[in-house]
Amino acid sequence: MLQTQLSWSALAADVPFWSALARDVLPAYVNTCRWFAGKARTQTGFAVTSVHTFPTAHQPAYLLVVEATYAEGESERYLLPVTLLTTNDPTQVPDKGKISPLVCADQEGTLIDAIYHADFRTALFEAIRQNTELLQPDGRLTAVRGRGLSPDDTHPASRVLPVDSSNSAMVFGAPMQETYFLKLYRKLFAETNPEVEMVAFLTEEGGFEHIPAFCGTLVWHPSAGAPITLGMMQRMVQNDKDSWMQTGDYLNDFLYAVPNRLFTIKEDVFDKVELLGKRTGQMHCALYQPRTTNPAFSPEPFTDEYRQFLIGRFADLLDRRYALLIDNYTRLDLPAQRLAWVFMEAKEMIDAFVEEFRTRPLDSLRIRIHGDYHLGQVLATPDDFVMIDFEGEPESTITDRKIKHSPLKDVAGMIRSYHYAVSAKLFNAAETQGISPEHLQRVSDRWFYLIRDTYLDAYLSEFGSPHPLFKNNNEINFLLLVYLLEKAVYELGYEISYRPDWVKIPLKGIIDVVREIEKIRISDQGHREEVPMLQTKLLNG
């Protein structure tokens, strides 16, 4: 139990109290939290490095910045809002929100994660609605209202979404008519969160309507250093499911027909895929603003620096994946082993392709993109789509997430997602257990190629030709292969480590890309003896 002689409202400057919390309570508590990413690392301690006072209706809450240190590697900072739940407060708090029993002066209660108290949620909402600035011992907190938040919406009802993730989510509005969604970022980075920048730009400058409208943000401006995003609010989107689930539904009809040697795709499936391609193109058109005064969103060419960054990252990724594949080869089933052999035999061709990216003339442009684009990042409304989660690649640094790429990187992510959808459905269903893997592969390929081409055609039709983002079809084909190969090789590591039965999915994606690379090389300069041809005969057993 934590104890202090000071009242709750006077605790902000009580360094011994926060030190005791970090030493005696937080190690056990934080390791139970879904948002804490350091569970697998050897921890050496926790410290409360900043305490921000945040007024609420009856008492202050405190926004704690907690630093976790480790035996190896850099420390991490997390946001932990706390408040005192007194014994006579009827608020129901789930066990995961209870941090420790607490006695403050003559008050007894429980120290809780403040998101579970309505007073704190209301105070967050009102701070953003009123464009509030709160001075703190270490800098200031600023809450800024966006266009999507009506200044007339005051003190709405609220609740915490019961979904465990790397952030915390709250919704605001009357039951069955919830209007606003507030995401509190838990892991903190010493830069503005890319999601806030992206959503604000698309809403305020790009005019893109198929995202939850930007409603505001909460930012900490420390006395020294860059601003740190603590939270962002957007409009709620009423949806039934994400596009991964919707695609799975569409695939059910296809799946049930396969054992009868029937190939069926309903027309509305193509309509939905075309619409998603169109909306993706519109999103990228909104991000392409050549006259913007915001340098973070100004289009850029394919510079030597960018090429070197991508080549270096990809070369390192390839080396690690080859090593992982060799170490785990015997764990793979026979079809996956055959694909693995073709991949490894194609190493020289892949290396040559990557090297060609270093010097190949490219007149296309790069812009800010979604960065982690797949079917799970698109909400399916009754007759349209809404794009969400613009934070970028989860394993990348904040700086790397803001690097400008060809928008074809997003397209590659969606294409790979469609490939996963059909492969996971067909290869893991009871209905197809008696069908040979070779036949399932042919059938899934046919579905995938039709869907891929439908999506890509609809996407490119949004731009016109030529367009500064895509100088010509040759550059489109080349760049799409670069990003498809990078994405599939990245996926390979996860499947080897966690789902060996699924390794054939990214391996098949890699082989498909390498086939296209071979066509480009033959078309560009003819076959060169020093670069072996793709050994597809190995797939025949």
Protein backbone atom coordinates (compact mmCIF):
# COMPACT_ATOMS: atom_id res chain seq x y z
CA MET A 1 0.00 0.00 0.00
CA LEU A 2 1.19 3.50 -0.88
CA GLN A 3 0.99 6.16 1.81
CA THR A 4 1.68 9.89 1.96
CA GLN A 5 1.06 12.65 4.48
CA LEU A 6 0.07 15.05 1.71
CA SER A 7 -3.39 15.45 0.25
CA TRP A 8 -4.02 14.14 -3.26
CA SER A 9 -4.19 17.65 -4.74
CA ALA A 10 -0.75 18.49 -3.33
CA LEU A 11 1.10 15.42 -4.64
CA ALA A 12 2.50 16.83 -7.89
CA ALA A 13 5.79 17.96 -6.32
CA ASP A 14 6.15 15.03 -3.87
CA VAL A 15 9.26 13.41 -5.37
CA PRO A 16 9.57 10.67 -2.68
CA PHE A 17 5.99 9.54 -3.34
CA TRP A 18 6.49 9.16 -7.10
CA SER A 19 9.84 7.45 -6.49
CA ALA A 20 8.13 4.92 -4.21
CA LEU A 21 5.45 4.34 -6.83
CA ALA A 22 8.07 3.69 -9.52
CA ARG A 23 10.16 1.43 -7.27
CA ASP A 24 7.53 -0.59 -5.42
CA VAL A 25 4.41 -0.63 -7.58
CA LEU A 26 5.04 0.05 -11.24
CA PRO A 27 7.29 -2.94 -12.08
CA ALA A 28 4.50 -5.39 -11.28
CA TYR A 29 1.66 -3.25 -12.58
CA VAL A 30 3.14 -2.07 -15.88
CA ASN A 31 4.08 -5.60 -16.88
CA THR A 32 0.38 -6.54 -16.80
CA CYS A 33 -0.53 -3.76 -19.23
CA ARG A 34 -1.09 -4.58 -22.89
CA TRP A 35 0.35 -1.21 -23.92
CA PHE A 36 3.75 -1.87 -22.31
CA ALA A 37 6.09 -3.10 -25.05
CA GLY A 38 9.07 -3.99 -22.85
CA LYS A 39 7.82 -7.22 -21.29
CA ALA A 40 10.29 -9.42 -23.16
CA ARG A 41 13.31 -7.23 -22.32
CA THR A 42 15.41 -7.41 -19.15
CA GLN A 43 14.20 -4.44 -17.14
CA THR A 44 16.47 -2.58 -14.75
CA GLY A 45 13.91 -0.18 -13.32
CA PHE A 46 11.22 2.44 -13.72
CA ALA A 47 11.20 6.16 -12.91
CA VAL A 48 8.55 8.87 -12.99
CA THR A 49 10.39 11.61 -14.90
CA SER A 50 7.57 14.16 -15.26
CA VAL A 51 4.29 14.80 -13.43
CA HIS A 52 1.70 16.97 -15.20
CA THR A 53 -1.32 18.23 -13.29
CA PHE A 54 -4.56 17.90 -15.23
CA PRO A 55 -7.63 19.50 -13.56
CA THR A 56 -10.92 17.57 -13.53
CA ALA A 57 -14.33 18.36 -12.04
CA HIS A 58 -13.58 17.27 -8.46
CA GLN A 59 -9.82 16.75 -8.11
CA PRO A 60 -6.73 16.79 -10.31
CA ALA A 61 -5.49 13.85 -12.29
CA TYR A 62 -1.79 13.46 -12.95
CA LEU A 63 -0.27 12.61 -16.30
CA LEU A 64 2.87 10.66 -15.46
CA VAL A 65 5.74 10.18 -17.88
CA VAL A 66 7.27 6.86 -16.85
CA GLU A 67 10.71 5.85 -18.07
CA ALA A 68 11.54 2.14 -18.35
CA THR A 69 15.22 1.23 -18.46
CA TYR A 70 16.74 -2.03 -19.66
CA ALA A 71 19.93 -4.04 -19.36
CA GLU A 72 20.50 -3.56 -23.08
CA GLY A 73 19.24 -1.02 -25.55
CA GLU A 74 17.62 2.37 -25.16
CA SER A 75 15.10 3.27 -22.48
CA GLU A 76 11.44 3.89 -23.31
CA ARG A 77 8.92 6.44 -22.09
CA TYR A 78 5.25 5.75 -21.43
CA LEU A 79 2.22 7.86 -20.51
CA LEU A 80 0.32 6.79 -17.40
CA PRO A 81 -2.57 9.06 -16.30
CA VAL A 82 -3.54 8.44 -12.67
CA THR A 83 -6.21 9.59 -10.24
CA LEU A 84 -7.45 8.69 -6.76
CA LEU A 85 -10.63 6.64 -6.53
CA THR A 86 -11.92 7.33 -3.02
CA THR A 87 -13.78 4.68 -1.05
CA ASN A 88 -17.12 6.50 -1.43
CA ASP A 89 -16.78 6.94 -5.22
CA PRO A 90 -19.19 4.52 -6.97
CA THR A 91 -17.16 4.41 -10.21
CA GLN A 92 -16.63 0.82 -11.37
CA VAL A 93 -13.02 0.22 -12.38
CA PRO A 94 -11.83 -3.05 -13.94
CA ASP A 95 -9.01 -4.86 -12.16
CA LYS A 96 -6.57 -3.96 -14.94
CA GLY A 97 -7.16 -0.28 -14.12
CA LYS A 98 -6.37 -0.60 -10.39
CA ILE A 99 -2.76 0.25 -9.63
CA SER A 100 -2.44 0.21 -5.82
CA PRO A 101 -4.29 0.90 -2.54
CA LEU A 102 -3.47 4.45 -1.47
CA VAL A 103 -3.77 6.58 1.67
CA CYS A 104 -3.38 10.34 1.15
CA ALA A 105 -3.47 12.37 4.39
CA ASP A 106 -6.93 11.47 5.72
CA GLN A 107 -8.24 10.03 2.42
CA GLU A 108 -8.28 6.32 1.61
CA GLY A 109 -8.83 4.84 -1.78
CA THR A 110 -7.20 3.26 -4.81
CA LEU A 111 -4.73 4.69 -7.26
CA ILE A 112 -6.20 3.95 -10.69
CA ASP A 113 -5.48 4.50 -14.35
CA ALA A 114 -7.41 7.74 -14.86
CA ILE A 115 -8.93 6.71 -18.19
CA TYR A 116 -11.42 4.60 -16.20
CA HIS A 117 -12.88 7.66 -14.44
CA ALA A 118 -15.52 9.73 -16.25
CA ASP A 119 -14.22 12.99 -14.71
CA PHE A 120 -10.86 12.54 -16.41
CA ARG A 121 -12.37 11.58 -19.78
CA THR A 122 -14.67 14.62 -19.67
CA ALA A 123 -11.74 16.88 -18.75
CA LEU A 124 -9.76 15.57 -21.74
CA PHE A 125 -12.66 16.24 -24.08
CA GLU A 126 -13.30 19.72 -22.71
CA ALA A 127 -9.61 20.66 -22.86
CA ILE A 128 -9.55 19.87 -26.59
CA ARG A 129 -12.91 21.53 -27.26
CA GLN A 130 -11.79 24.74 -25.55
CA ASN A 131 -8.24 24.87 -26.98
CA THR A 132 -6.78 24.73 -23.49
CA GLU A 133 -3.17 25.39 -22.51
CA LEU A 134 -1.90 24.16 -19.13
CA LEU A 135 1.45 25.37 -17.82
CA GLN A 136 3.53 22.68 -16.08
CA PRO A 137 6.83 22.58 -14.18
CA ASP A 138 8.32 20.96 -17.30
CA GLY A 139 6.89 22.93 -20.21
CA ARG A 140 3.19 23.03 -21.06
CA LEU A 141 0.30 20.88 -22.26
CA THR A 142 -1.67 22.21 -25.23
CA ALA A 143 -5.02 20.87 -26.38
CA VAL A 144 -6.06 22.01 -29.87
CA ARG A 145 -9.49 21.57 -31.46
CA GLY A 146 -9.74 20.35 -35.06
CA ARG A 147 -12.43 21.00 -37.65
CA GLY A 148 -14.23 17.75 -36.93
CA LEU A 149 -15.14 18.73 -33.34
CA SER A 150 -18.18 20.93 -32.88
CA PRO A 151 -17.60 23.57 -30.17
CA ASP A 152 -21.25 23.10 -29.14
CA ASP A 153 -20.76 19.45 -28.10
CA THR A 154 -20.14 19.79 -24.37
CA HIS A 155 -19.64 17.20 -21.63
CA PRO A 156 -20.77 14.14 -23.58
CA ALA A 157 -21.09 10.73 -21.99
CA SER A 158 -18.00 8.56 -22.41
CA ARG A 159 -16.58 5.09 -22.01
CA VAL A 160 -13.33 3.21 -22.49
CA LEU A 161 -13.32 0.79 -25.38
CA PRO A 162 -12.74 -2.74 -24.03
CA VAL A 163 -10.02 -3.51 -26.56
CA ASP A 164 -6.48 -4.14 -25.32
CA SER A 165 -3.91 -2.62 -27.64
CA SER A 166 -0.73 -0.56 -27.64
CA ASN A 167 -2.81 2.60 -27.03
CA SER A 168 -5.95 3.40 -25.04
CA ALA A 169 -9.21 4.33 -26.75
CA MET A 170 -12.17 6.29 -25.41
CA VAL A 171 -15.43 7.19 -27.13
CA PHE A 172 -17.75 10.13 -26.47
CA GLY A 173 -21.44 10.69 -27.14
CA ALA A 174 -24.86 9.38 -26.23
CA PRO A 175 -25.31 5.60 -26.12
CA MET A 176 -25.93 4.22 -29.62
CA GLN A 177 -24.92 7.61 -31.05
CA GLU A 178 -21.27 7.89 -30.08
CA THR A 179 -19.66 10.68 -32.05
CA TYR A 180 -15.98 11.00 -31.10
CA PHE A 181 -13.04 8.63 -30.68
CA LEU A 182 -10.01 9.65 -28.58
CA LYS A 183 -6.78 7.67 -28.74
CA LEU A 184 -4.35 8.16 -25.86
CA TYR A 185 -0.85 7.22 -26.94
CA ARG A 186 0.95 5.17 -24.31
CA LYS A 187 4.46 4.77 -25.70
CA LEU A 188 5.90 8.24 -26.18
CA PHE A 189 8.29 9.41 -28.87
CA ALA A 190 10.28 12.64 -28.97
CA GLU A 191 8.50 13.79 -32.14
CA THR A 192 4.98 14.58 -33.23
CA ASN A 193 3.13 11.34 -33.84
CA PRO A 194 2.88 10.71 -37.61
CA GLU A 195 -0.79 9.77 -37.28
CA VAL A 196 -1.66 13.22 -35.97
CA GLU A 197 0.23 14.87 -38.82
CA MET A 198 -1.37 12.63 -41.45
CA VAL A 199 -4.95 12.91 -40.22
CA ALA A 200 -4.67 16.66 -39.73
CA PHE A 201 -3.18 17.16 -43.20
CA LEU A 202 -5.73 14.94 -44.95
CA THR A 203 -8.61 16.67 -43.15
CA GLU A 204 -7.44 20.27 -43.11
CA GLU A 205 -5.47 20.55 -46.36
CA GLY A 206 -6.08 17.46 -48.50
CA GLY A 207 -9.86 17.50 -48.12
CA PHE A 208 -10.00 13.70 -48.02
CA GLU A 209 -13.34 12.62 -46.56
CA HIS A 210 -12.78 8.89 -46.20
CA ILE A 211 -10.97 9.03 -42.88
CA PRO A 212 -12.41 9.81 -39.44
CA ALA A 213 -12.28 13.62 -39.39
CA PHE A 214 -9.57 15.23 -37.26
CA CYS A 215 -11.10 16.63 -34.06
CA GLY A 216 -8.10 17.65 -32.02
CA THR A 217 -4.93 16.70 -30.24
CA LEU A 218 -3.19 16.84 -26.86
CA VAL A 219 0.52 17.64 -26.97
CA TRP A 220 3.23 18.04 -24.34
CA HIS A 221 5.76 20.78 -25.13
CA PRO A 222 8.66 20.04 -22.76
CA SER A 223 10.97 22.81 -21.61
CA ALA A 224 13.68 21.28 -23.80
CA GLY A 225 13.19 19.11 -26.84
CA ALA A 226 10.56 18.49 -29.48
CA PRO A 227 6.80 18.37 -28.79
CA ILE A 228 5.43 14.94 -27.82
CA THR A 229 1.96 13.82 -28.87
CA LEU A 230 -0.11 12.40 -26.01
CA GLY A 231 -3.47 11.90 -27.71
CA MET A 232 -5.65 12.54 -30.75
CA MET A 233 -9.42 12.76 -31.23
CA GLN A 234 -11.33 11.87 -34.40
CA ARG A 235 -14.92 11.42 -35.49
CA MET A 236 -16.38 7.99 -34.81
CA VAL A 237 -17.15 5.80 -37.82
CA GLN A 238 -20.15 3.52 -37.67
CA ASN A 239 -19.00 0.29 -39.29
CA ASP A 240 -19.79 -3.39 -39.18
CA LYS A 241 -16.28 -4.77 -39.66
CA ASP A 242 -12.89 -4.07 -41.18
CA SER A 243 -12.10 -5.00 -44.79
CA TRP A 244 -10.15 -8.11 -43.74
CA MET A 245 -13.33 -9.53 -42.22
CA GLN A 246 -15.42 -8.36 -45.16
CA THR A 247 -13.03 -10.01 -47.62
CA GLY A 248 -13.22 -13.19 -45.56
CA ASP A 249 -16.99 -13.13 -45.94
CA TYR A 250 -16.67 -12.74 -49.70
CA LEU A 251 -14.22 -15.62 -49.80
CA ASN A 252 -16.68 -17.98 -48.11
CA ASP A 253 -18.73 -18.38 -51.29
CA PHE A 254 -15.55 -19.00 -53.23
CA LEU A 255 -14.29 -21.48 -50.63
CA TYR A 256 -17.48 -23.54 -50.56
CA ALA A 257 -17.41 -23.90 -54.36
CA VAL A 258 -13.80 -25.08 -54.62
CA PRO A 259 -14.42 -28.73 -53.55
CA ASN A 260 -16.97 -28.94 -56.38
CA ARG A 261 -14.40 -27.62 -58.86
CA LEU A 262 -16.40 -24.45 -59.35
CA PHE A 263 -14.87 -20.98 -59.60
CA THR A 264 -17.28 -18.34 -58.30
CA ILE A 265 -16.81 -14.66 -57.55
CA LYS A 266 -19.90 -12.51 -57.13
CA GLU A 267 -20.02 -9.28 -59.09
CA ASP A 268 -20.33 -7.17 -55.94
CA VAL A 269 -16.92 -8.47 -54.83
CA PHE A 270 -15.35 -6.79 -57.85
CA ASP A 271 -17.40 -3.66 -57.14
CA LYS A 272 -16.04 -3.48 -53.59
CA VAL A 273 -12.45 -4.11 -54.70
CA GLU A 274 -12.76 -1.43 -57.39
CA LEU A 275 -14.13 1.03 -54.84
CA LEU A 276 -11.27 0.35 -52.44
CA GLY A 277 -8.77 0.88 -55.26
CA LYS A 278 -10.48 4.16 -56.10
CA ARG A 279 -10.50 5.36 -52.48
CA THR A 280 -6.81 4.43 -52.11
CA GLY A 281 -5.99 6.50 -55.19
CA GLN A 282 -8.02 9.42 -53.84
CA MET A 283 -6.15 9.22 -50.53
CA HIS A 284 -2.81 9.46 -52.32
CA CYS A 285 -4.07 12.30 -54.53
CA ALA A 286 -5.01 14.17 -51.34
CA LEU A 287 -1.51 13.58 -49.96
CA TYR A 288 0.04 14.86 -53.21
CA GLN A 289 -0.10 18.62 -52.69
CA PRO A 290 2.75 20.19 -54.70
CA ARG A 291 1.82 23.71 -53.56
CA THR A 292 1.70 22.94 -49.85
CA THR A 293 3.73 25.18 -47.56
CA ASN A 294 4.26 22.26 -45.17
CA PRO A 295 7.69 20.77 -45.95
CA ALA A 296 6.76 17.53 -44.18
CA PHE A 297 4.28 16.89 -47.01
CA SER A 298 6.03 18.42 -50.03
CA PRO A 299 6.61 15.85 -52.83
CA GLU A 300 10.23 14.80 -53.32
CA PRO A 301 12.19 12.97 -56.05
CA PHE A 302 13.96 9.63 -55.68
CA THR A 303 17.19 10.98 -54.23
CA ASP A 304 20.42 9.02 -53.79
CA GLU A 305 19.94 9.34 -50.04
CA TYR A 306 16.50 7.71 -50.19
CA ARG A 307 17.72 4.94 -52.48
CA GLN A 308 20.61 4.19 -50.14
CA PHE A 309 18.25 4.13 -47.14
CA LEU A 310 15.91 1.66 -48.80
CA ILE A 311 18.70 -0.51 -50.20
CA GLY A 312 20.46 -0.65 -46.84
CA ARG A 313 17.30 -1.59 -45.01
CA PHE A 314 16.33 -4.19 -47.58
CA ALA A 315 19.80 -5.75 -47.78
CA ASP A 316 19.84 -6.17 -44.01
CA LEU A 317 16.33 -7.62 -44.10
CA LEU A 318 17.31 -10.11 -46.81
CA ASP A 319 20.39 -11.29 -44.94
CA ARG A 320 18.41 -11.90 -41.77
CA ARG A 321 15.62 -13.70 -43.63
CA TYR A 322 18.01 -15.97 -45.51
CA ALA A 323 19.70 -16.93 -42.25
CA LEU A 324 16.34 -17.52 -40.55
CA LEU A 325 15.15 -19.65 -43.46
CA ILE A 326 18.26 -21.82 -43.38
CA ASP A 327 18.03 -22.30 -39.62
CA ASN A 328 14.37 -23.35 -39.81
CA TYR A 329 14.33 -25.19 -43.13
CA THR A 330 13.65 -28.62 -41.64
CA ARG A 331 10.55 -27.29 -39.81
CA LEU A 332 8.85 -26.44 -43.11
CA ASP A 333 6.50 -28.72 -45.00
CA LEU A 334 7.52 -29.99 -48.44
CA PRO A 335 5.75 -27.31 -50.55
CA ALA A 336 7.31 -24.58 -48.41
CA GLN A 337 10.76 -26.21 -48.68
CA ARG A 338 10.51 -26.18 -52.47
CA LEU A 339 9.54 -22.51 -52.48
CA ALA A 340 12.37 -21.77 -50.06
CA TRP A 341 14.89 -23.41 -52.40
CA VAL A 342 13.73 -21.30 -55.35
CA PHE A 343 13.97 -18.18 -53.20
CA MET A 344 17.49 -19.00 -52.06
CA GLU A 345 18.58 -19.95 -55.59
CA ALA A 346 17.26 -16.56 -56.77
CA LYS A 347 19.52 -14.63 -54.39
CA GLU A 348 21.84 -13.37 -57.14
CA MET A 349 18.90 -12.16 -59.22
CA ILE A 350 17.39 -10.37 -56.21
CA ASP A 351 20.75 -8.80 -55.35
CA ALA A 352 21.10 -7.58 -58.94
CA PHE A 353 17.57 -6.15 -58.85
CA VAL A 354 18.26 -4.29 -55.62
CA GLU A 355 21.50 -2.94 -57.04
CA GLU A 356 19.65 -1.78 -60.16
CA PHE A 357 17.37 0.30 -57.94
CA ARG A 358 20.46 2.28 -56.91
CA THR A 359 21.07 3.66 -60.42
CA ARG A 360 17.91 3.14 -62.48
CA PRO A 361 16.57 6.53 -63.74
CA LEU A 362 13.34 7.34 -61.91
CA ASP A 363 11.29 10.46 -62.56
CA SER A 364 8.39 9.49 -60.27
CA LEU A 365 7.92 11.33 -56.98
CA ARG A 366 7.65 10.38 -53.31
CA ILE A 367 5.09 11.61 -50.77
CA ARG A 368 3.97 10.84 -47.23
CA ILE A 369 1.90 7.66 -47.24
CA HIS A 370 -0.17 5.56 -44.84
CA GLY A 371 2.82 3.29 -44.26
CA ASP A 372 1.06 0.26 -42.77
CA TYR A 373 -1.72 -0.21 -45.28
CA HIS A 374 -3.66 -3.46 -45.39
CA LEU A 375 -7.23 -4.75 -45.23
CA GLY A 376 -7.32 -4.49 -41.44
CA GLN A 377 -6.69 -0.72 -41.67
CA VAL A 378 -9.83 -0.07 -43.72
CA LEU A 379 -13.26 0.02 -42.12
CA ALA A 380 -16.17 -1.23 -44.23
CA THR A 381 -19.26 0.96 -43.89
CA PRO A 382 -22.54 -0.21 -45.49
CA ASP A 383 -21.62 1.30 -48.88
CA ASP A 384 -18.07 2.67 -48.65
CA PHE A 385 -14.67 2.53 -46.92
CA VAL A 386 -12.88 4.58 -44.26
CA MET A 387 -9.09 4.47 -43.75
CA ILE A 388 -7.74 4.37 -40.18
CA ASP A 389 -4.51 4.00 -38.14
CA PHE A 390 -1.98 6.28 -39.82
CA GLU A 391 0.81 5.67 -37.29
CA GLY A 392 3.02 3.84 -39.83
CA GLU A 393 5.11 0.68 -39.53
CA PRO A 394 4.96 -0.41 -35.86
CA GLU A 395 8.58 -1.59 -35.75
CA SER A 396 10.03 1.55 -37.36
CA THR A 397 11.26 4.63 -35.55
CA ILE A 398 9.08 7.74 -35.66
CA THR A 399 11.66 9.37 -37.96
CA ASP A 400 11.56 6.46 -40.39
CA ARG A 401 7.74 6.42 -40.37
CA LYS A 402 7.79 9.98 -41.73
CA ILE A 403 10.06 9.20 -44.68
CA LYS A 404 8.38 9.82 -48.02
CA HIS A 405 7.91 6.83 -50.32
CA SER A 406 6.19 6.12 -53.58
CA PRO A 407 2.50 5.60 -52.79
CA LEU A 408 2.99 2.23 -54.48
CA LYS A 409 4.38 1.08 -51.13
CA ASP A 410 0.83 1.35 -49.74
CA VAL A 411 -0.51 -0.40 -52.82
CA ALA A 412 1.96 -3.25 -52.29
CA GLY A 413 0.75 -3.61 -48.71
CA MET A 414 -2.87 -3.96 -49.84
CA ILE A 415 -1.98 -6.42 -52.60
CA ARG A 416 -0.08 -8.58 -50.11
CA SER A 417 -3.09 -8.38 -47.77
CA TYR A 418 -5.39 -9.77 -50.49
CA HIS A 419 -2.88 -12.57 -51.10
CA TYR A 420 -2.93 -13.43 -47.40
CA ALA A 421 -6.73 -13.35 -47.31
CA VAL A 422 -7.24 -15.98 -50.00
CA SER A 423 -4.28 -18.14 -48.97
CA ALA A 424 -5.26 -18.22 -45.30
CA LYS A 425 -8.85 -19.05 -46.20
CA LEU A 426 -8.15 -21.86 -48.67
CA PHE A 427 -5.16 -23.53 -47.03
CA ASN A 428 -6.61 -23.57 -43.51
CA ALA A 429 -10.23 -24.59 -44.09
CA ALA A 430 -11.83 -27.92 -43.27
CA GLU A 431 -13.64 -27.80 -46.62
CA THR A 432 -10.36 -28.05 -48.57
CA GLN A 433 -8.44 -30.60 -46.48
CA GLY A 434 -8.80 -33.36 -49.08
CA ILE A 435 -7.61 -31.21 -51.98
CA SER A 436 -3.99 -31.32 -53.11
CA PRO A 437 -1.85 -28.30 -52.19
CA GLU A 438 -0.92 -27.87 -55.87
CA HIS A 439 -4.57 -27.53 -56.89
CA LEU A 440 -5.32 -25.15 -54.04
CA GLN A 441 -2.35 -23.04 -55.08
CA ARG A 442 -3.62 -22.78 -58.65
CA VAL A 443 -7.14 -21.88 -57.51
CA SER A 444 -5.99 -19.29 -54.97
CA ASP A 445 -3.64 -17.76 -57.57
CA ARG A 446 -6.51 -17.31 -60.01
CA TRP A 447 -8.65 -15.52 -57.41
CA PHE A 448 -5.75 -13.38 -56.24
CA TYR A 449 -4.64 -12.29 -59.72
CA LEU A 450 -8.18 -11.23 -60.65
CA ILE A 451 -8.63 -9.25 -57.44
CA ARG A 452 -5.12 -7.74 -57.64
CA ASP A 453 -5.61 -6.52 -61.19
CA THR A 454 -9.09 -5.16 -60.41
CA TYR A 455 -7.75 -3.21 -57.43
CA LEU A 456 -4.68 -1.92 -59.28
CA ASP A 457 -6.60 -0.83 -62.38
CA ALA A 458 -9.13 1.09 -60.29
CA TYR A 459 -6.32 2.67 -58.27
CA LEU A 460 -4.31 3.90 -61.25
CA SER A 461 -7.41 5.24 -63.00
CA GLU A 462 -7.62 7.93 -60.30
CA PHE A 463 -4.40 9.59 -61.45
CA GLY A 464 -4.46 9.87 -65.21
CA SER A 465 -1.34 9.33 -67.28
CA PRO A 466 1.24 10.66 -67.05
CA HIS A 467 1.09 11.85 -63.44
CA PRO A 468 4.05 13.28 -61.48
CA LEU A 469 3.75 10.48 -58.93
CA PHE A 470 4.00 7.80 -61.63
CA LYS A 471 6.00 8.94 -64.65
CA ASN A 472 5.16 5.94 -66.83
CA ASN A 473 4.07 2.30 -66.70
CA ASN A 474 7.65 1.02 -66.66
CA GLU A 475 8.38 2.95 -63.48
CA ILE A 476 5.09 1.84 -61.94
CA ASN A 477 5.92 -1.82 -62.60
CA PHE A 478 9.48 -1.48 -61.35
CA LEU A 479 8.63 0.39 -58.13
CA LEU A 480 5.69 -1.85 -57.32
CA LEU A 481 8.01 -4.88 -57.52
CA VAL A 482 10.50 -3.16 -55.19
CA TYR A 483 7.87 -2.64 -52.52
CA LEU A 484 6.14 -6.00 -53.04
CA LEU A 485 9.45 -7.80 -52.60
CA GLU A 486 10.31 -5.82 -49.48
CA LYS A 487 6.88 -6.51 -47.98
CA ALA A 488 6.90 -10.25 -48.68
CA VAL A 489 10.44 -10.68 -47.35
CA TYR A 490 9.42 -8.79 -44.20
CA GLU A 491 6.39 -11.09 -43.76
CA LEU A 492 8.60 -14.15 -44.08
CA GLY A 493 10.32 -13.49 -40.76
CA TYR A 494 7.08 -13.36 -38.80
CA GLU A 495 5.73 -16.57 -40.34
CA ILE A 496 8.95 -18.52 -39.76
CA SER A 497 9.00 -17.45 -36.12
CA TYR A 498 5.33 -17.76 -35.23
CA ARG A 499 3.36 -19.62 -37.95
CA PRO A 500 5.59 -22.08 -39.84
CA ASP A 501 2.52 -23.54 -41.57
CA TRP A 502 1.96 -20.15 -43.22
CA VAL A 503 5.51 -19.67 -44.53
CA LYS A 504 4.44 -20.66 -48.02
CA ILE A 505 2.26 -17.53 -48.27
CA PRO A 506 5.08 -14.94 -48.23
CA LEU A 507 7.39 -17.35 -50.08
CA LYS A 508 4.87 -17.64 -52.90
CA GLY A 509 4.62 -13.84 -52.94
CA ILE A 510 8.41 -13.59 -53.22
CA ILE A 511 8.54 -16.09 -56.09
CA ASP A 512 5.80 -14.22 -57.96
CA VAL A 513 7.81 -11.00 -57.69
CA VAL A 514 11.04 -12.69 -58.76
CA ARG A 515 9.28 -14.05 -61.87
CA GLU A 516 8.38 -10.48 -62.80
CA ILE A 517 11.90 -9.27 -62.05
CA GLU A 518 13.21 -11.90 -64.45
CA LYS A 519 10.87 -10.63 -67.18
CA ILE A 520 12.09 -7.05 -66.65
CA ARG A 521 15.74 -8.07 -66.80
CA ILE A 522 15.23 -10.07 -70.00
CA SER A 523 13.26 -7.21 -71.56
CA ASP A 524 15.78 -4.54 -70.51
CA GLN A 525 19.06 -6.21 -71.41
CA GLY A 526 18.59 -9.84 -72.32
CA HIS A 527 19.66 -12.80 -70.25
CA ARG A 528 23.09 -12.45 -68.61
CA GLU A 529 24.95 -15.67 -67.88
CA GLU A 530 26.34 -14.34 -64.60
CA VAL A 531 22.79 -13.98 -63.22
CA PRO A 532 21.16 -17.44 -63.15
CA MET A 533 17.59 -17.87 -64.38
CA LEU A 534 14.85 -18.58 -61.86
CA GLN A 535 14.92 -22.27 -60.90
CA THR A 536 11.15 -22.88 -61.02
CA LYS A 537 11.66 -26.52 -61.99
CA LEU A 538 12.46 -27.10 -58.32
CA LEU A 539 8.77 -26.58 -57.57
CA ASN A 540 7.83 -29.70 -59.52
CA GLY A 541 9.37 -32.08 -56.99
